[in-house]
Protein backbone atom coordinates (compact mmCIF):
# COMPACT_ATOMS: atom_id res chain seq x y z
CA MET A 1 131.17 201.81 33.40
CA ALA A 2 132.23 198.34 34.56
CA ARG A 3 130.01 196.72 37.13
CA ALA A 4 131.09 196.61 40.75
CA ARG A 5 132.97 193.38 41.45
CA ILE A 6 131.76 191.15 44.28
CA GLY A 7 134.05 188.45 45.62
CA ILE A 8 131.98 185.38 46.52
CA ILE A 9 133.77 183.35 49.17
CA GLY A 10 134.01 179.76 47.96
CA ASN A 11 134.39 176.47 49.81
CA HIS A 12 136.69 173.51 49.41
CA HIS A 13 134.74 170.72 47.75
CA LEU A 14 135.49 167.20 46.53
CA ILE A 15 133.87 165.85 43.38
CA ASN A 16 133.24 162.11 43.70
CA ASP A 17 135.21 162.23 46.96
CA GLN A 18 138.43 162.57 44.94
CA TYR A 19 138.78 165.68 42.82
CA ALA A 20 139.45 168.83 44.82
CA THR A 21 137.61 171.98 43.73
CA HIS A 22 136.53 175.37 45.03
CA ALA A 23 132.80 175.94 44.73
CA ALA A 24 129.89 178.20 45.61
CA GLY A 25 126.20 177.77 44.84
CA THR A 26 124.93 179.33 41.63
CA MET A 27 122.14 180.96 43.65
CA ASN A 28 124.77 183.33 45.05
CA SER A 29 125.99 184.38 41.61
CA ASP A 30 122.40 184.80 40.41
CA ALA A 31 121.56 187.10 43.32
CA ILE A 32 124.70 189.20 42.87
CA CYS A 33 124.21 189.54 39.11
CA GLU A 34 120.44 189.83 38.80
CA VAL A 35 119.51 191.70 41.99
CA ALA A 36 122.62 193.48 43.28
CA GLY A 37 123.55 194.37 39.69
CA CYS A 38 127.20 193.46 40.21
CA MET A 39 129.74 191.07 38.70
CA PRO A 40 130.09 187.84 40.73
CA LEU A 41 133.59 186.34 40.98
CA LEU A 42 134.54 183.27 43.01
CA ILE A 43 137.30 183.52 45.64
CA PRO A 44 139.03 180.19 46.37
CA ALA A 45 138.98 179.11 50.00
CA ASP A 46 142.76 178.95 50.32
CA PRO A 47 144.93 181.74 51.77
CA ARG A 48 147.99 180.54 49.81
CA TYR A 49 146.67 182.20 46.67
CA PHE A 50 146.40 185.82 47.83
CA SER A 51 146.68 188.19 50.76
CA THR A 52 143.83 190.02 52.45
CA ALA A 53 145.21 193.27 51.07
CA GLU A 54 145.11 191.90 47.52
CA LEU A 55 141.47 190.89 47.94
CA LEU A 56 140.54 194.31 49.26
CA ASP A 57 142.19 195.96 46.26
CA SER A 58 140.64 193.57 43.75
CA PHE A 59 136.97 193.72 44.75
CA ASP A 60 134.34 196.30 45.63
CA GLY A 61 132.50 194.09 48.11
CA PHE A 62 132.29 190.55 49.42
CA LEU A 63 129.57 187.95 49.86
CA PHE A 64 130.29 185.53 52.70
CA THR A 65 128.15 182.58 51.65
CA GLY A 66 126.49 179.71 53.42
CA ALA A 67 128.28 176.36 53.46
CA ARG A 68 128.08 172.87 54.93
CA PRO A 69 131.41 173.12 56.85
CA ASN A 70 131.33 175.17 60.05
CA VAL A 71 133.80 177.66 61.47
CA HIS A 72 136.33 175.68 63.50
CA PRO A 73 135.71 176.17 67.25
CA GLN A 74 139.39 176.90 67.84
CA GLU A 75 138.69 180.23 66.13
CA TYR A 76 136.58 181.20 69.15
CA GLY A 77 138.57 179.42 71.86
CA GLU A 78 136.72 176.13 72.15
CA ASP A 79 137.67 172.50 71.60
CA GLU A 80 136.40 170.51 68.64
CA THR A 81 133.62 167.99 69.31
CA ASP A 82 131.47 165.76 67.09
CA ALA A 83 128.64 168.27 67.48
CA HIS A 84 130.68 170.93 65.66
CA GLY A 85 130.45 169.01 62.37
CA ASP A 86 132.77 169.40 59.38
CA PHE A 87 135.26 172.21 58.85
CA ASP A 88 137.02 174.17 56.11
CA ARG A 89 140.13 175.66 57.68
CA GLY A 90 141.18 177.25 54.41
CA ARG A 91 137.96 179.22 54.31
CA ASP A 92 138.39 180.22 57.96
CA ALA A 93 141.83 181.60 57.11
CA VAL A 94 140.45 183.63 54.20
CA SER A 95 137.17 184.88 55.64
CA LEU A 96 137.89 185.85 59.23
CA PRO A 97 140.71 188.36 58.59
CA LEU A 98 138.84 189.65 55.54
CA VAL A 99 135.76 190.46 57.64
CA ARG A 100 137.86 192.41 60.12
CA ALA A 101 139.66 194.29 57.35
CA CYS A 102 136.35 195.23 55.70
CA VAL A 103 134.96 196.50 58.99
CA ASP A 104 138.04 198.67 59.56
CA ARG A 105 138.15 199.95 55.98
CA GLY A 106 134.43 200.47 55.43
CA GLN A 107 134.36 198.11 52.44
CA PRO A 108 130.90 196.52 52.05
CA PHE A 109 130.14 192.89 52.75
CA PHE A 110 127.01 190.77 53.15
CA GLY A 111 127.07 187.64 55.34
CA VAL A 112 124.72 184.70 54.78
CA CYS A 113 124.26 181.70 57.13
CA ARG A 114 127.83 180.45 57.69
CA GLY A 115 128.90 183.92 56.58
CA PHE A 116 126.70 185.39 59.33
CA GLN A 117 128.48 183.15 61.82
CA GLU A 118 131.89 184.07 60.38
CA VAL A 119 131.19 187.74 60.97
CA ASN A 120 130.39 187.08 64.63
CA VAL A 121 133.48 184.91 65.16
CA ALA A 122 135.71 187.40 63.33
CA MET A 123 134.60 190.06 65.80
CA GLY A 124 135.39 187.86 68.81
CA GLY A 125 132.03 186.16 69.30
CA THR A 126 131.21 182.49 69.90
CA LEU A 127 128.79 179.95 68.46
CA TYR A 128 126.53 177.20 69.76
CA PRO A 129 127.39 173.93 67.98
CA GLU A 130 123.76 172.80 67.72
CA ILE A 131 120.79 175.14 68.22
CA ARG A 132 118.18 172.38 68.39
CA ASP A 133 119.82 170.95 71.54
CA LEU A 134 119.18 174.15 73.52
CA PRO A 135 116.11 174.33 75.80
CA GLY A 136 113.23 176.17 74.16
CA ARG A 137 114.82 176.33 70.70
CA MET A 138 113.27 174.94 67.54
CA ASN A 139 115.08 172.86 64.95
CA HIS A 140 116.54 175.38 62.49
CA ARG A 141 117.96 172.75 60.14
CA MET A 142 116.46 172.10 56.72
CA PRO A 143 114.30 169.00 56.20
CA PRO A 144 116.66 166.10 55.38
CA ASP A 145 114.48 164.91 52.51
CA GLY A 146 112.25 166.52 49.93
CA THR A 147 112.62 168.89 47.01
CA LEU A 148 114.79 171.98 46.90
CA GLU A 149 111.62 174.05 47.20
CA GLU A 150 110.68 172.22 50.38
CA LYS A 151 114.12 172.65 51.90
CA PHE A 152 114.17 176.40 51.17
CA ALA A 153 110.53 177.00 52.11
CA LEU A 154 109.68 179.87 54.46
CA ARG A 155 109.49 178.35 57.93
CA HIS A 156 109.66 180.95 60.70
CA ILE A 157 109.26 184.61 61.55
CA VAL A 158 112.18 186.97 62.14
CA GLN A 159 111.36 190.02 64.24
CA PHE A 160 113.51 193.15 63.84
CA THR A 161 114.40 195.93 66.24
CA GLU A 162 112.01 198.83 65.77
CA ASN A 163 113.56 201.45 63.47
CA GLY A 164 116.76 199.42 63.20
CA PRO A 165 118.58 199.04 59.86
CA PHE A 166 116.68 195.90 58.82
CA HIS A 167 113.30 197.39 59.77
CA GLN A 168 114.08 200.53 57.80
CA LEU A 169 115.46 198.70 54.78
CA LEU A 170 112.67 196.13 54.52
CA GLY A 171 109.83 198.35 55.70
CA ALA A 172 108.55 195.63 58.02
CA ALA A 173 108.94 194.82 61.70
CA GLU A 174 108.84 191.09 60.99
CA VAL A 175 109.28 188.82 57.98
CA MET A 176 109.08 185.14 57.10
CA THR A 177 112.34 183.40 56.21
CA ASN A 178 113.73 179.99 55.38
CA THR A 179 116.07 178.26 57.82
CA LEU A 180 118.87 175.80 57.00
CA HIS A 181 121.40 176.05 59.83
CA GLY A 182 122.45 173.98 62.80
CA GLN A 183 124.72 176.43 64.60
CA GLY A 184 124.03 179.94 65.84
CA ILE A 185 125.37 182.87 67.82
CA ASN A 186 126.10 182.24 71.49
CA ARG A 187 128.01 185.37 72.57
CA ALA A 188 127.93 188.33 70.22
CA GLY A 189 131.30 189.68 69.13
CA GLN A 190 132.58 193.19 69.68
CA GLY A 191 130.29 195.67 67.97
CA VAL A 192 127.92 192.94 66.73
CA VAL A 193 124.35 194.19 67.12
CA ILE A 194 121.60 191.58 66.99
CA ASP A 195 118.95 193.44 65.02
CA GLY A 196 116.61 190.51 64.40
CA ALA A 197 115.71 187.18 66.00
CA SER A 198 113.36 184.26 65.43
CA GLU A 199 110.45 183.43 67.74
CA ASP A 200 112.67 181.23 69.91
CA GLY A 201 115.26 183.98 70.42
CA THR A 202 117.86 182.73 67.95
CA PRO A 203 119.78 185.68 66.42
CA GLU A 204 118.95 186.03 62.72
CA ALA A 205 120.07 189.51 61.60
CA ILE A 206 123.15 191.49 62.65
CA TYR A 207 125.29 194.48 61.76
CA ILE A 208 128.48 195.98 63.20
CA ASP A 209 127.89 199.04 65.37
CA GLY A 210 130.14 201.95 64.45
CA ALA A 211 131.43 200.34 61.26
CA PRO A 212 131.70 202.94 58.48
CA GLY A 213 130.32 200.66 55.75
CA PHE A 214 127.66 198.08 54.89
CA THR A 215 127.91 195.11 57.30
CA LEU A 216 124.47 193.50 57.22
CA SER A 217 124.40 189.73 57.74
CA VAL A 218 121.55 187.23 58.05
CA GLN A 219 121.29 183.67 59.35
CA TRP A 220 118.82 182.57 56.66
CA HIS A 221 119.43 182.12 52.90
CA PRO A 222 118.17 185.18 50.99
CA GLU A 223 119.98 184.08 47.81
CA TYR A 224 117.23 181.51 47.12
CA ARG A 225 115.02 183.04 44.40
CA ALA A 226 116.34 186.45 45.45
CA ALA A 227 114.88 188.25 42.45
CA LEU A 228 111.37 187.12 43.37
CA ASP A 229 111.43 187.27 47.17
CA PRO A 230 110.24 190.57 48.73
CA VAL A 231 112.67 190.20 51.65
CA SER A 232 115.72 189.04 49.71
CA ARG A 233 115.49 191.54 46.89
CA PRO A 234 115.94 194.74 48.95
CA LEU A 235 118.83 193.18 50.88
CA PHE A 236 120.82 192.35 47.75
CA ALA A 237 119.80 195.62 46.07
CA ALA A 238 121.12 197.62 49.04
CA PHE A 239 124.35 195.62 49.02
CA GLY A 240 124.74 196.40 45.33
CA ARG A 241 124.29 200.11 45.94
CA ALA A 242 126.95 200.03 48.65
CA ALA A 243 129.36 198.17 46.35
CA ARG A 244 128.84 200.66 43.52
CA ALA A 245 129.48 203.57 45.88
CA TRP A 246 132.75 201.92 46.90
CA ARG A 247 133.69 201.31 43.26
CA ASP A 248 132.99 204.91 42.30
CA ASP A 249 135.05 206.70 44.93
CA GLN A 250 136.19 204.23 47.60
CA GLN A 251 133.57 205.72 49.87
CA ALA A 252 132.04 203.74 52.69
CA VAL A 253 128.25 203.91 52.83
CA PRO A 254 126.63 203.32 56.24
CA VAL A 255 123.77 200.84 56.26
CA GLN A 256 121.21 203.54 57.04
CA ASP A 257 122.13 205.34 53.80
CA VAL A 258 121.43 202.47 51.41
CA ALA A 259 117.79 201.90 52.35
């Protein structure tokens, strides 16, 4: 039987500041192929190429990846400032309606970093433009210099709600994660349950309450060495199981049933 197909949301990218491309990190494809056991396929960040309905019919699940550009603040009713950083409006136009459609339909998705933030915004939530500027918050950005290993190193604890989906899936009340983000959830969107947070209270793990399918999303980057990491591996494995269940009979699988 053909593998379940996972649409990896890409980003607009310029090579040498001139040549326009759509791109996504190979770590994402590695995690989908090697750990989730699915076929990774890149989705261009441009709504001119397809409709949301076509995407839903073409894939069994979706990975909303991390990215340098942020969700544009107009998507949650705020004005753009320098603190909001760079944007990718094409990706906004693809991802936000796709999240909502997946929630309604029960089609599985997994949100990572920017993808985590997209899920919150899609459900009507808001974001802080810069976490490190808030009183009592740590700097959640990656070190500006150093090796890839240093940038993706485990840096803080995430504590989960007792007996919540993440606690049940990972078998631990708290885990160590990397952290490479500047923005974060301010107001949670409709149905968005904050199921895990870092020591400073920053939301790090969410799901959609009442959604019929897999909606787990995390603020860190589990795709880094996913096959070797004891936290990342069960997350991608569970996502793969949900995608295969959708492929087999278009059946939504609640998060508590993929642990």
